[in-house]
C-alpha atoms as a PDB file:
ATOM      1  CA  UNK A   1     113.593 102.649  96.471  1.00  0.00           C
ATOM      2  CA  UNK A   2     110.449 102.334  95.389  1.00  0.00           C
ATOM      3  CA  UNK A   3     108.031 101.357  99.383  1.00  0.00           C
ATOM      4  CA  UNK A   4     105.208  99.243  99.794  1.00  0.00           C
ATOM      5  CA  UNK A   5     103.428 102.502 101.248  1.00  0.00           C
ATOM      6  CA  UNK A   6     105.137 104.595  98.072  1.00  0.00           C
ATOM      7  CA  UNK A   7     102.810 101.538  96.045  1.00  0.00           C
ATOM      8  CA  UNK A   8      99.921 102.521  97.969  1.00  0.00           C
ATOM      9  CA  UNK A   9      99.745 105.932  97.458  1.00  0.00           C
ATOM     10  CA  UNK A  10      99.934 105.249  93.924  1.00  0.00           C
ATOM     11  CA  UNK A  11      97.645 102.853  93.430  1.00  0.00           C
ATOM     12  CA  UNK A  12      94.977 104.955  95.729  1.00  0.00           C
ATOM     13  CA  UNK A  13      94.999 107.716  93.699  1.00  0.00           C
ATOM     14  CA  UNK A  14      93.415 105.972  91.219  1.00  0.00           C
ATOM     15  CA  UNK A  15      91.606 104.064  93.018  1.00  0.00           C
ATOM     16  CA  UNK A  16      90.450 106.318  96.315  1.00  0.00           C
ATOM     17  CA  UNK A  17      87.710 103.568  97.147  1.00  0.00           C
ATOM     18  CA  UNK A  18      89.452 100.660  97.013  1.00  0.00           C
ATOM     19  CA  UNK A  19      90.971  98.228  99.860  1.00  0.00           C
ATOM     20  CA  UNK A  20      94.582  97.791  99.162  1.00  0.00           C
ATOM     21  CA  UNK A  21      96.782  95.982 100.588  1.00  0.00           C
ATOM     22  CA  UNK A  22     100.590  95.876  99.925  1.00  0.00           C
ATOM     23  CA  UNK A  23     103.289  93.710 101.470  1.00  0.00           C
ATOM     24  CA  UNK A  24     107.007  93.198 100.674  1.00  0.00           C
ATOM     25  CA  UNK A  25     109.845  95.595 101.818  1.00  0.00           C
ATOM     26  CA  UNK A  26     112.888  94.637 100.216  1.00  0.00           C
ATOM     27  CA  UNK A  27     112.536  97.640  97.483  1.00  0.00           C
ATOM     28  CA  UNK A  28     111.566  95.334  94.258  1.00  0.00           C
ATOM     29  CA  UNK A  29     109.161  92.677  94.524  1.00  0.00           C
ATOM     30  CA  UNK A  30     106.143  92.785  96.317  1.00  0.00           C
ATOM     31  CA  UNK A  31     102.545  91.425  96.255  1.00  0.00           C
ATOM     32  CA  UNK A  32      99.322  93.590  96.407  1.00  0.00           C
ATOM     33  CA  UNK A  33      95.759  92.823  96.658  1.00  0.00           C
ATOM     34  CA  UNK A  34      93.354  95.824  95.349  1.00  0.00           C
ATOM     35  CA  UNK A  35      89.475  94.955  95.868  1.00  0.00           C
ATOM     36  CA  UNK A  36      87.209  98.546  93.930  1.00  0.00           C
ATOM     37  CA  UNK A  37      83.733  98.799  92.560  1.00  0.00           C
ATOM     38  CA  UNK A  38      85.091  99.824  89.183  1.00  0.00           C
ATOM     39  CA  UNK A  39      86.344  95.758  88.435  1.00  0.00           C
ATOM     40  CA  UNK A  40      82.605  94.757  88.316  1.00  0.00           C
ATOM     41  CA  UNK A  41      82.235  93.282  85.298  1.00  0.00           C
ATOM     42  CA  UNK A  42      85.339  93.765  84.015  1.00  0.00           C
ATOM     43  CA  UNK A  43      87.771  90.462  83.398  1.00  0.00           C
ATOM     44  CA  UNK A  44      91.320  89.503  85.522  1.00  0.00           C
ATOM     45  CA  UNK A  45      93.268  91.279  82.626  1.00  0.00           C
ATOM     46  CA  UNK A  46      91.610  94.381  82.481  1.00  0.00           C
ATOM     47  CA  UNK A  47      91.329  94.954  86.086  1.00  0.00           C
ATOM     48  CA  UNK A  48      95.110  94.327  86.312  1.00  0.00           C
ATOM     49  CA  UNK A  49      95.962  96.892  83.268  1.00  0.00           C
ATOM     50  CA  UNK A  50      93.648  99.513  85.608  1.00  0.00           C
ATOM     51  CA  UNK A  51      96.311  98.834  88.240  1.00  0.00           C
ATOM     52  CA  UNK A  52      99.536  99.012  86.340  1.00  0.00           C
ATOM     53  CA  UNK A  53      98.245 102.278  84.961  1.00  0.00           C
ATOM     54  CA  UNK A  54      97.911 103.947  88.247  1.00  0.00           C
ATOM     55  CA  UNK A  55     101.435 103.192  89.105  1.00  0.00           C
ATOM     56  CA  UNK A  56     102.373 105.559  86.488  1.00  0.00           C
ATOM     57  CA  UNK A  57     105.829 103.269  84.842  1.00  0.00           C
ATOM     58  CA  UNK A  58     107.460 102.438  87.941  1.00  0.00           C
ATOM     59  CA  UNK A  59     107.387  99.014  86.343  1.00  0.00           C
ATOM     60  CA  UNK A  60     108.496  99.699  82.298  1.00  0.00           C
ATOM     61  CA  UNK A  61     111.012  96.864  82.246  1.00  0.00           C
ATOM     62  CA  UNK A  62     114.997  97.905  83.369  1.00  0.00           C
ATOM     63  CA  UNK A  63     114.059 101.817  84.220  1.00  0.00           C
ATOM     64  CA  UNK A  64     111.136 101.087  86.338  1.00  0.00           C
ATOM     65  CA  UNK A  65     111.395 101.179  90.241  1.00  0.00           C
ATOM     66  CA  UNK A  66     109.265  97.886  91.089  1.00  0.00           C
ATOM     67  CA  UNK A  67     111.073  94.550  89.709  1.00  0.00           C
ATOM     68  CA  UNK A  68     107.807  92.432  90.676  1.00  0.00           C
ATOM     69  CA  UNK A  69     104.198  92.921  91.821  1.00  0.00           C
ATOM     70  CA  UNK A  70     101.942  89.943  92.361  1.00  0.00           C
ATOM     71  CA  UNK A  71      98.708  91.489  91.620  1.00  0.00           C
ATOM     72  CA  UNK A  72      95.508  89.869  92.896  1.00  0.00           C
ATOM     73  CA  UNK A  73      92.352  92.469  91.945  1.00  0.00           C
ATOM     74  CA  UNK A  74      88.725  91.844  91.719  1.00  0.00           C
ATOM     75  CA  UNK A  75      85.357  93.574  92.460  1.00  0.00           C
ATOM     76  CA  UNK A  76      83.909  93.185  96.543  1.00  0.00           C
ATOM     77  CA  UNK A  77      81.783  90.439  97.273  1.00  0.00           C
END
C-alpha cells in the first residue's frame, strides 16, 4: 500500500526544491500540492504531466498503487 510519504518522496526526487504537501491516509486516495519554480511559464496540464511522470507509473490504470490523486500545481508567487 502506498503512503503520503511515499508519494512525497517520489515527487521530491524530480522536484527537489519544491514545496510539497500530500494528504490522505486510506492508501488509495490522496491530495497533493506541488509549488515549484520549474512550473513558471507552463500551463496547468504541462505542470501536472510533469508531476505524474515523477510518480513513475504508480497511477497506471488498474495496475497502479495509487487510485486517485487530486493535484494542485503552481509556480511560487
